[in-house]
């Protein structure tokens, strides 16, 4: 299953912040066959009209873990950067 970072994290982030939408800006090439070395490509996600603009530290940590678990379930070891594999739970 080929998915973009945007597709993998949007639903979790939108529901956590109860946002009406988002703008996603990424850096670098988006081709599926392009390998990323190092720590990946930076991106920014602007939430549009979030009805819950602030999360507690614990809620942010939970959101991070949910996204990590979802992304790792949608990818294979060959596609995960080494730094993510070393942080695996």
C-alpha atoms as a PDB file:
ATOM      1  CA  UNK A   1       0.000   0.000   0.000  1.00  0.00           C
ATOM      2  CA  UNK A   2       1.578   3.276  -1.111  1.00  0.00           C
ATOM      3  CA  UNK A   3       0.494   6.300   0.901  1.00  0.00           C
ATOM      4  CA  UNK A   4       1.780   9.783   1.471  1.00  0.00           C
ATOM      5  CA  UNK A   5       2.648  11.271   4.844  1.00  0.00           C
ATOM      6  CA  UNK A   6      -0.355  13.536   4.375  1.00  0.00           C
ATOM      7  CA  UNK A   7      -2.697  10.576   3.935  1.00  0.00           C
ATOM      8  CA  UNK A   8      -1.202   8.704   6.878  1.00  0.00           C
ATOM      9  CA  UNK A   9      -1.477  11.459   9.489  1.00  0.00           C
ATOM     10  CA  UNK A  10      -4.309  13.761   8.380  1.00  0.00           C
ATOM     11  CA  UNK A  11      -7.231  11.890   9.940  1.00  0.00           C
ATOM     12  CA  UNK A  12      -5.610  11.574  13.378  1.00  0.00           C
ATOM     13  CA  UNK A  13      -4.518  15.208  13.484  1.00  0.00           C
ATOM     14  CA  UNK A  14      -7.831  16.578  12.195  1.00  0.00           C
ATOM     15  CA  UNK A  15      -9.884  14.606  14.701  1.00  0.00           C
ATOM     16  CA  UNK A  16      -7.603  15.494  17.632  1.00  0.00           C
ATOM     17  CA  UNK A  17      -7.845  19.223  16.964  1.00  0.00           C
ATOM     18  CA  UNK A  18     -11.414  19.049  15.600  1.00  0.00           C
ATOM     19  CA  UNK A  19     -10.240  20.996  12.583  1.00  0.00           C
ATOM     20  CA  UNK A  20     -12.385  21.727   9.538  1.00  0.00           C
ATOM     21  CA  UNK A  21      -9.515  21.163   7.139  1.00  0.00           C
ATOM     22  CA  UNK A  22      -5.811  21.608   6.565  1.00  0.00           C
ATOM     23  CA  UNK A  23      -3.111  22.748   4.193  1.00  0.00           C
ATOM     24  CA  UNK A  24      -0.108  20.467   3.816  1.00  0.00           C
ATOM     25  CA  UNK A  25       3.263  21.710   2.591  1.00  0.00           C
ATOM     26  CA  UNK A  26       6.112  19.317   2.000  1.00  0.00           C
ATOM     27  CA  UNK A  27       9.730  19.735   1.065  1.00  0.00           C
ATOM     28  CA  UNK A  28      11.477  17.758  -1.640  1.00  0.00           C
ATOM     29  CA  UNK A  29      10.245  15.307  -4.232  1.00  0.00           C
ATOM     30  CA  UNK A  30       7.060  13.362  -3.697  1.00  0.00           C
ATOM     31  CA  UNK A  31       7.669  10.508  -6.142  1.00  0.00           C
ATOM     32  CA  UNK A  32       6.827   7.095  -4.684  1.00  0.00           C
ATOM     33  CA  UNK A  33      10.074   5.577  -5.945  1.00  0.00           C
ATOM     34  CA  UNK A  34      12.358   8.213  -4.381  1.00  0.00           C
ATOM     35  CA  UNK A  35      14.268   6.980  -1.323  1.00  0.00           C
ATOM     36  CA  UNK A  36      14.733   9.250   1.646  1.00  0.00           C
ATOM     37  CA  UNK A  37      17.938   9.023   3.642  1.00  0.00           C
ATOM     38  CA  UNK A  38      18.629  10.543   7.040  1.00  0.00           C
ATOM     39  CA  UNK A  39      15.753  11.951   9.061  1.00  0.00           C
ATOM     40  CA  UNK A  40      13.294  12.419   6.204  1.00  0.00           C
ATOM     41  CA  UNK A  41      11.799  15.496   4.598  1.00  0.00           C
ATOM     42  CA  UNK A  42      10.395  18.397   6.600  1.00  0.00           C
ATOM     43  CA  UNK A  43       6.723  19.223   6.264  1.00  0.00           C
ATOM     44  CA  UNK A  44       4.194  21.650   7.739  1.00  0.00           C
ATOM     45  CA  UNK A  45       0.514  21.062   8.380  1.00  0.00           C
ATOM     46  CA  UNK A  46      -1.673  24.153   8.846  1.00  0.00           C
ATOM     47  CA  UNK A  47      -4.968  23.393  10.584  1.00  0.00           C
ATOM     48  CA  UNK A  48      -7.952  25.359   9.323  1.00  0.00           C
ATOM     49  CA  UNK A  49     -10.400  26.550  11.978  1.00  0.00           C
ATOM     50  CA  UNK A  50      -9.420  24.104  14.721  1.00  0.00           C
ATOM     51  CA  UNK A  51     -12.187  23.967  17.313  1.00  0.00           C
ATOM     52  CA  UNK A  52      -9.674  22.657  19.835  1.00  0.00           C
ATOM     53  CA  UNK A  53      -6.503  24.668  19.205  1.00  0.00           C
ATOM     54  CA  UNK A  54      -4.480  23.378  22.180  1.00  0.00           C
ATOM     55  CA  UNK A  55      -3.667  19.876  23.360  1.00  0.00           C
ATOM     56  CA  UNK A  56      -2.022  18.968  26.642  1.00  0.00           C
ATOM     57  CA  UNK A  57       1.472  17.510  26.618  1.00  0.00           C
ATOM     58  CA  UNK A  58      -0.003  14.053  27.347  1.00  0.00           C
ATOM     59  CA  UNK A  59      -2.510  14.398  24.485  1.00  0.00           C
ATOM     60  CA  UNK A  60       0.255  15.449  22.076  1.00  0.00           C
ATOM     61  CA  UNK A  61       2.351  12.440  23.141  1.00  0.00           C
ATOM     62  CA  UNK A  62      -0.651  10.145  22.584  1.00  0.00           C
ATOM     63  CA  UNK A  63      -1.263  11.667  19.133  1.00  0.00           C
ATOM     64  CA  UNK A  64       2.415  11.117  18.276  1.00  0.00           C
ATOM     65  CA  UNK A  65       2.176   7.471  19.345  1.00  0.00           C
ATOM     66  CA  UNK A  66      -1.062   6.907  17.403  1.00  0.00           C
ATOM     67  CA  UNK A  67       0.509   8.342  14.244  1.00  0.00           C
ATOM     68  CA  UNK A  68       3.690   6.283  14.733  1.00  0.00           C
ATOM     69  CA  UNK A  69       1.739   3.051  15.233  1.00  0.00           C
ATOM     70  CA  UNK A  70      -0.458   3.752  12.207  1.00  0.00           C
ATOM     71  CA  UNK A  71       2.469   4.646   9.942  1.00  0.00           C
ATOM     72  CA  UNK A  72       4.473   1.587  10.988  1.00  0.00           C
ATOM     73  CA  UNK A  73       1.447  -0.638  10.369  1.00  0.00           C
ATOM     74  CA  UNK A  74       1.148   0.760   6.823  1.00  0.00           C
ATOM     75  CA  UNK A  75       4.804   0.376   5.856  1.00  0.00           C
ATOM     76  CA  UNK A  76       7.424  -2.350   5.745  1.00  0.00           C
ATOM     77  CA  UNK A  77      10.829  -2.464   7.380  1.00  0.00           C
ATOM     78  CA  UNK A  78      12.401  -1.739   3.984  1.00  0.00           C
ATOM     79  CA  UNK A  79      10.527   1.568   3.719  1.00  0.00           C
ATOM     80  CA  UNK A  80      11.030   2.803   7.286  1.00  0.00           C
ATOM     81  CA  UNK A  81      14.007   5.038   7.974  1.00  0.00           C
ATOM     82  CA  UNK A  82      16.504   3.471  10.390  1.00  0.00           C
ATOM     83  CA  UNK A  83      15.930   6.151  13.040  1.00  0.00           C
ATOM     84  CA  UNK A  84      12.256   5.147  13.241  1.00  0.00           C
ATOM     85  CA  UNK A  85      13.099   1.486  13.599  1.00  0.00           C
ATOM     86  CA  UNK A  86      15.467   2.256  16.470  1.00  0.00           C
ATOM     87  CA  UNK A  87      12.663   4.124  18.286  1.00  0.00           C
ATOM     88  CA  UNK A  88      10.092   1.366  17.749  1.00  0.00           C
ATOM     89  CA  UNK A  89       8.080   0.484  20.806  1.00  0.00           C
END
